[in-house]
């Protein structure tokens, strides 16, 4: 899937810029550091998604009809 499909209305989105960045001038050490940073960001986003999901579930349970 193309990032433009995921984020079509955000042309200035940093994620789009990151995906289009030329990796050729980077050293292997720089690429490894980039992977570490991206993995940390993935972990951060997943944790946020988990918090949002739990919050939503709690709200739905609170307002559950029954």
PDB file of N, CA and C in Angstrom:
ATOM      1  N   UNK A   1       0.832  -1.170   0.000  1.00  0.00           N
ATOM      2  CA  UNK A   1       0.000   0.000   0.000  1.00  0.00           C
ATOM      3  C   UNK A   1       0.886   1.245   0.000  1.00  0.00           C
ATOM      4  N   UNK A   2       0.549   2.199  -0.807  1.00  0.00           N
ATOM      5  CA  UNK A   2       1.287   3.448  -0.930  1.00  0.00           C
ATOM      6  C   UNK A   2       0.902   4.391   0.209  1.00  0.00           C
ATOM      7  N   UNK A   3       1.867   5.151   0.740  1.00  0.00           N
ATOM      8  CA  UNK A   3       1.563   6.099   1.806  1.00  0.00           C
ATOM      9  C   UNK A   3       0.558   7.147   1.358  1.00  0.00           C
ATOM     10  N   UNK A   4       0.539   7.476   0.067  1.00  0.00           N
ATOM     11  CA  UNK A   4      -0.437   8.438  -0.432  1.00  0.00           C
ATOM     12  C   UNK A   4      -1.857   7.912  -0.271  1.00  0.00           C
ATOM     13  N   UNK A   5      -2.019   6.602  -0.297  1.00  0.00           N
ATOM     14  CA  UNK A   5      -3.333   6.006  -0.068  1.00  0.00           C
ATOM     15  C   UNK A   5      -3.744   6.163   1.395  1.00  0.00           C
ATOM     16  N   UNK A   6      -2.769   6.081   2.284  1.00  0.00           N
ATOM     17  CA  UNK A   6      -3.058   6.195   3.707  1.00  0.00           C
ATOM     18  C   UNK A   6      -3.291   7.634   4.147  1.00  0.00           C
ATOM     19  N   UNK A   7      -2.561   8.559   3.556  1.00  0.00           N
ATOM     20  CA  UNK A   7      -2.599   9.958   3.979  1.00  0.00           C
ATOM     21  C   UNK A   7      -2.809  10.900   2.800  1.00  0.00           C
ATOM     22  N   UNK A   8      -3.904  10.742   2.055  1.00  0.00           N
ATOM     23  CA  UNK A   8      -4.068  11.540   0.841  1.00  0.00           C
ATOM     24  C   UNK A   8      -4.291  13.027   1.098  1.00  0.00           C
ATOM     25  N   UNK A   9      -4.857  13.407   2.242  1.00  0.00           N
ATOM     26  CA  UNK A   9      -5.190  14.803   2.483  1.00  0.00           C
ATOM     27  C   UNK A   9      -4.121  15.545   3.273  1.00  0.00           C
ATOM     28  N   UNK A  10      -2.985  14.941   3.489  1.00  0.00           N
ATOM     29  CA  UNK A  10      -1.932  15.556   4.288  1.00  0.00           C
ATOM     30  C   UNK A  10      -0.622  15.625   3.495  1.00  0.00           C
ATOM     31  N   UNK A  11      -0.529  16.514   2.533  1.00  0.00           N
ATOM     32  CA  UNK A  11       0.696  16.555   1.722  1.00  0.00           C
ATOM     33  C   UNK A  11       1.942  16.946   2.514  1.00  0.00           C
ATOM     34  N   UNK A  12       1.791  17.681   3.619  1.00  0.00           N
ATOM     35  CA  UNK A  12       2.942  18.104   4.424  1.00  0.00           C
ATOM     36  C   UNK A  12       3.180  17.178   5.610  1.00  0.00           C
ATOM     37  N   UNK A  13       2.563  16.022   5.605  1.00  0.00           N
ATOM     38  CA  UNK A  13       2.705  15.079   6.698  1.00  0.00           C
ATOM     39  C   UNK A  13       4.163  14.627   6.796  1.00  0.00           C
ATOM     40  N   UNK A  14       4.759  14.702   7.995  1.00  0.00           N
ATOM     41  CA  UNK A  14       6.152  14.261   8.167  1.00  0.00           C
ATOM     42  C   UNK A  14       6.372  12.804   7.770  1.00  0.00           C
ATOM     43  N   UNK A  15       5.367  11.974   7.918  1.00  0.00           N
ATOM     44  CA  UNK A  15       5.498  10.572   7.539  1.00  0.00           C
ATOM     45  C   UNK A  15       5.718  10.440   6.040  1.00  0.00           C
ATOM     46  N   UNK A  16       4.995  11.244   5.254  1.00  0.00           N
ATOM     47  CA  UNK A  16       5.195  11.240   3.799  1.00  0.00           C
ATOM     48  C   UNK A  16       6.614  11.675   3.453  1.00  0.00           C
ATOM     49  N   UNK A  17       7.080  12.729   4.101  1.00  0.00           N
ATOM     50  CA  UNK A  17       8.437  13.227   3.847  1.00  0.00           C
ATOM     51  C   UNK A  17       9.473  12.174   4.234  1.00  0.00           C
ATOM     52  N   UNK A  18       9.251  11.509   5.342  1.00  0.00           N
ATOM     53  CA  UNK A  18      10.175  10.471   5.801  1.00  0.00           C
ATOM     54  C   UNK A  18      10.253   9.334   4.797  1.00  0.00           C
ATOM     55  N   UNK A  19       9.114   8.920   4.275  1.00  0.00           N
ATOM     56  CA  UNK A  19       9.077   7.804   3.331  1.00  0.00           C
ATOM     57  C   UNK A  19       9.736   8.146   2.001  1.00  0.00           C
ATOM     58  N   UNK A  20       9.766   9.427   1.670  1.00  0.00           N
ATOM     59  CA  UNK A  20      10.351   9.847   0.392  1.00  0.00           C
ATOM     60  C   UNK A  20      11.827  10.237   0.511  1.00  0.00           C
ATOM     61  N   UNK A  21      12.349  10.244   1.733  1.00  0.00           N
ATOM     62  CA  UNK A  21      13.739  10.643   1.955  1.00  0.00           C
ATOM     63  C   UNK A  21      14.689   9.660   1.280  1.00  0.00           C
ATOM     64  N   UNK A  22      15.696  10.202   0.609  1.00  0.00           N
ATOM     65  CA  UNK A  22      16.703   9.392  -0.065  1.00  0.00           C
ATOM     66  C   UNK A  22      17.609   8.734   0.975  1.00  0.00           C
ATOM     67  N   UNK A  23      17.674   7.427   0.948  1.00  0.00           N
ATOM     68  CA  UNK A  23      18.490   6.688   1.910  1.00  0.00           C
ATOM     69  C   UNK A  23      19.912   6.454   1.417  1.00  0.00           C
ATOM     70  N   UNK A  24      20.167   6.693   0.133  1.00  0.00           N
ATOM     71  CA  UNK A  24      21.483   6.409  -0.445  1.00  0.00           C
ATOM     72  C   UNK A  24      22.642   7.106   0.262  1.00  0.00           C
ATOM     73  N   UNK A  25      22.518   8.370   0.658  1.00  0.00           N
ATOM     74  CA  UNK A  25      23.673   9.015   1.291  1.00  0.00           C
ATOM     75  C   UNK A  25      23.927   8.595   2.740  1.00  0.00           C
ATOM     76  N   UNK A  26      23.063   7.791   3.302  1.00  0.00           N
ATOM     77  CA  UNK A  26      23.207   7.406   4.710  1.00  0.00           C
ATOM     78  C   UNK A  26      24.155   6.223   4.864  1.00  0.00           C
ATOM     79  N   UNK A  27      24.930   6.288   5.937  1.00  0.00           N
ATOM     80  CA  UNK A  27      25.828   5.175   6.255  1.00  0.00           C
ATOM     81  C   UNK A  27      25.022   4.060   6.909  1.00  0.00           C
ATOM     82  N   UNK A  28      25.648   2.904   7.051  1.00  0.00           N
ATOM     83  CA  UNK A  28      24.974   1.791   7.709  1.00  0.00           C
ATOM     84  C   UNK A  28      24.662   2.131   9.164  1.00  0.00           C
ATOM     85  N   UNK A  29      25.560   2.852   9.822  1.00  0.00           N
ATOM     86  CA  UNK A  29      25.305   3.272  11.204  1.00  0.00           C
ATOM     87  C   UNK A  29      24.107   4.211  11.273  1.00  0.00           C
ATOM     88  N   UNK A  30      24.018   5.140  10.339  1.00  0.00           N
ATOM     89  CA  UNK A  30      22.882   6.060  10.309  1.00  0.00           C
ATOM     90  C   UNK A  30      21.572   5.315  10.038  1.00  0.00           C
ATOM     91  N   UNK A  31      21.632   4.337   9.152  1.00  0.00           N
ATOM     92  CA  UNK A  31      20.442   3.545   8.857  1.00  0.00           C
ATOM     93  C   UNK A  31      20.022   2.726  10.073  1.00  0.00           C
ATOM     94  N   UNK A  32      20.986   2.180  10.801  1.00  0.00           N
ATOM     95  CA  UNK A  32      20.679   1.421  12.015  1.00  0.00           C
ATOM     96  C   UNK A  32      20.042   2.328  13.063  1.00  0.00           C
ATOM     97  N   UNK A  33      20.564   3.539  13.207  1.00  0.00           N
ATOM     98  CA  UNK A  33      19.985   4.501  14.147  1.00  0.00           C
ATOM     99  C   UNK A  33      18.561   4.867  13.730  1.00  0.00           C
ATOM    100  N   UNK A  34      18.354   4.976  12.445  1.00  0.00           N
ATOM    101  CA  UNK A  34      17.026   5.293  11.915  1.00  0.00           C
ATOM    102  C   UNK A  34      16.045   4.166  12.263  1.00  0.00           C
ATOM    103  N   UNK A  35      16.476   2.930  12.116  1.00  0.00           N
ATOM    104  CA  UNK A  35      15.627   1.786  12.446  1.00  0.00           C
ATOM    105  C   UNK A  35      15.273   1.803  13.931  1.00  0.00           C
ATOM    106  N   UNK A  36      16.243   2.084  14.785  1.00  0.00           N
ATOM    107  CA  UNK A  36      15.994   2.156  16.229  1.00  0.00           C
ATOM    108  C   UNK A  36      14.951   3.237  16.516  1.00  0.00           C
ATOM    109  N   UNK A  37      15.111   4.401  15.896  1.00  0.00           N
ATOM    110  CA  UNK A  37      14.173   5.505  16.111  1.00  0.00           C
ATOM    111  C   UNK A  37      12.776   5.144  15.603  1.00  0.00           C
ATOM    112  N   UNK A  38      12.715   4.511  14.442  1.00  0.00           N
ATOM    113  CA  UNK A  38      11.412   4.127  13.887  1.00  0.00           C
ATOM    114  C   UNK A  38      10.739   3.059  14.747  1.00  0.00           C
ATOM    115  N   UNK A  39      11.520   2.108  15.252  1.00  0.00           N
ATOM    116  CA  UNK A  39      10.953   1.094  16.144  1.00  0.00           C
ATOM    117  C   UNK A  39      10.431   1.720  17.435  1.00  0.00           C
ATOM    118  N   UNK A  40      11.143   2.716  17.957  1.00  0.00           N
ATOM    119  CA  UNK A  40      10.678   3.425  19.154  1.00  0.00           C
ATOM    120  C   UNK A  40       9.373   4.153  18.861  1.00  0.00           C
ATOM    121  N   UNK A  41       9.256   4.739  17.687  1.00  0.00           N
ATOM    122  CA  UNK A  41       8.029   5.428  17.303  1.00  0.00           C
ATOM    123  C   UNK A  41       6.876   4.440  17.138  1.00  0.00           C
ATOM    124  N   UNK A  42       7.148   3.283  16.574  1.00  0.00           N
ATOM    125  CA  UNK A  42       6.119   2.244  16.443  1.00  0.00           C
ATOM    126  C   UNK A  42       5.624   1.832  17.823  1.00  0.00           C
ATOM    127  N   UNK A  43       6.529   1.636  18.757  1.00  0.00           N
ATOM    128  CA  UNK A  43       6.167   1.265  20.122  1.00  0.00           C
ATOM    129  C   UNK A  43       5.312   2.353  20.763  1.00  0.00           C
ATOM    130  N   UNK A  44       5.677   3.604  20.549  1.00  0.00           N
ATOM    131  CA  UNK A  44       4.925   4.734  21.106  1.00  0.00           C
ATOM    132  C   UNK A  44       3.508   4.783  20.533  1.00  0.00           C
ATOM    133  N   UNK A  45       3.383   4.598  19.234  1.00  0.00           N
ATOM    134  CA  UNK A  45       2.076   4.629  18.579  1.00  0.00           C
ATOM    135  C   UNK A  45       1.215   3.449  19.039  1.00  0.00           C
ATOM    136  N   UNK A  46       1.815   2.276  19.138  1.00  0.00           N
ATOM    137  CA  UNK A  46       1.065   1.106  19.598  1.00  0.00           C
ATOM    138  C   UNK A  46       0.565   1.301  21.029  1.00  0.00           C
ATOM    139  N   UNK A  47       1.385   1.893  21.886  1.00  0.00           N
ATOM    140  CA  UNK A  47       0.976   2.158  23.266  1.00  0.00           C
ATOM    141  C   UNK A  47      -0.180   3.158  23.290  1.00  0.00           C
ATOM    142  N   UNK A  48      -0.106   4.150  22.441  1.00  0.00           N
ATOM    143  CA  UNK A  48      -1.190   5.134  22.361  1.00  0.00           C
ATOM    144  C   UNK A  48      -2.478   4.468  21.870  1.00  0.00           C
ATOM    145  N   UNK A  49      -2.360   3.635  20.854  1.00  0.00           N
ATOM    146  CA  UNK A  49      -3.533   2.924  20.343  1.00  0.00           C
ATOM    147  C   UNK A  49      -4.161   2.068  21.439  1.00  0.00           C
ATOM    148  N   UNK A  50      -3.341   1.417  22.246  1.00  0.00           N
ATOM    149  CA  UNK A  50      -3.830   0.586  23.336  1.00  0.00           C
ATOM    150  C   UNK A  50      -4.575   1.438  24.364  1.00  0.00           C
ATOM    151  N   UNK A  51      -3.998   2.600  24.725  1.00  0.00           N
ATOM    152  CA  UNK A  51      -4.661   3.495  25.681  1.00  0.00           C
ATOM    153  C   UNK A  51      -6.004   3.977  25.138  1.00  0.00           C
ATOM    154  N   UNK A  52      -6.031   4.361  23.864  1.00  0.00           N
ATOM    155  CA  UNK A  52      -7.265   4.843  23.246  1.00  0.00           C
ATOM    156  C   UNK A  52      -8.319   3.736  23.245  1.00  0.00           C
ATOM    157  N   UNK A  53      -7.901   2.537  22.901  1.00  0.00           N
ATOM    158  CA  UNK A  53      -8.833   1.408  22.862  1.00  0.00           C
ATOM    159  C   UNK A  53      -9.416   1.134  24.247  1.00  0.00           C
ATOM    160  N   UNK A  54      -8.570   1.136  25.259  1.00  0.00           N
ATOM    161  CA  UNK A  54      -9.037   0.891  26.627  1.00  0.00           C
ATOM    162  C   UNK A  54      -9.968   1.999  27.090  1.00  0.00           C
ATOM    163  N   UNK A  55      -9.641   3.240  26.746  1.00  0.00           N
ATOM    164  CA  UNK A  55     -10.479   4.374  27.114  1.00  0.00           C
ATOM    165  C   UNK A  55     -11.847   4.252  26.450  1.00  0.00           C
ATOM    166  N   UNK A  56     -11.840   3.915  25.183  1.00  0.00           N
ATOM    167  CA  UNK A  56     -13.103   3.766  24.452  1.00  0.00           C
ATOM    168  C   UNK A  56     -13.937   2.628  25.036  1.00  0.00           C
ATOM    169  N   UNK A  57     -13.295   1.509  25.331  1.00  0.00           N
ATOM    170  CA  UNK A  57     -14.013   0.377  25.918  1.00  0.00           C
ATOM    171  C   UNK A  57     -14.630   0.755  27.255  1.00  0.00           C
ATOM    172  N   UNK A  58     -13.882   1.498  28.059  1.00  0.00           N
ATOM    173  CA  UNK A  58     -14.399   1.934  29.365  1.00  0.00           C
ATOM    174  C   UNK A  58     -15.580   2.874  29.174  1.00  0.00           C
ATOM    175  N   UNK A  59     -15.491   3.782  28.218  1.00  0.00           N
ATOM    176  CA  UNK A  59     -16.599   4.702  27.948  1.00  0.00           C
ATOM    177  C   UNK A  59     -17.820   3.946  27.445  1.00  0.00           C
ATOM    178  N   UNK A  60     -17.614   2.998  26.553  1.00  0.00           N
ATOM    179  CA  UNK A  60     -18.740   2.208  26.052  1.00  0.00           C
ATOM    180  C   UNK A  60     -19.389   1.405  27.168  1.00  0.00           C
ATOM    181  N   UNK A  61     -18.596   0.865  28.055  1.00  0.00           N
ATOM    182  CA  UNK A  61     -19.136   0.097  29.186  1.00  0.00           C
ATOM    183  C   UNK A  61     -19.925   1.003  30.119  1.00  0.00           C
ATOM    184  N   UNK A  62     -19.440   2.213  30.351  1.00  0.00           N
ATOM    185  CA  UNK A  62     -20.098   3.160  31.221  1.00  0.00           C
ATOM    186  C   UNK A  62     -21.464   3.560  30.677  1.00  0.00           C
ATOM    187  N   UNK A  63     -21.544   3.746  29.368  1.00  0.00           N
ATOM    188  CA  UNK A  63     -22.787   4.216  28.762  1.00  0.00           C
ATOM    189  C   UNK A  63     -23.601   3.096  28.114  1.00  0.00           C
ATOM    190  N   UNK A  64     -23.247   1.878  28.457  1.00  0.00           N
ATOM    191  CA  UNK A  64     -23.942   0.712  27.880  1.00  0.00           C
ATOM    192  C   UNK A  64     -25.400   0.708  28.338  1.00  0.00           C
ATOM    193  N   UNK A  65     -26.256   0.492  27.382  1.00  0.00           N
ATOM    194  CA  UNK A  65     -27.680   0.368  27.710  1.00  0.00           C
ATOM    195  C   UNK A  65     -27.963  -1.079  28.063  1.00  0.00           C
ATOM    196  N   UNK A  66     -28.750  -1.255  29.064  1.00  0.00           N
ATOM    197  CA  UNK A  66     -29.053  -2.643  29.339  1.00  0.00           C
ATOM    198  C   UNK A  66     -29.531  -2.824  30.690  1.00  0.00           C
TER     199      UNK A  66
END
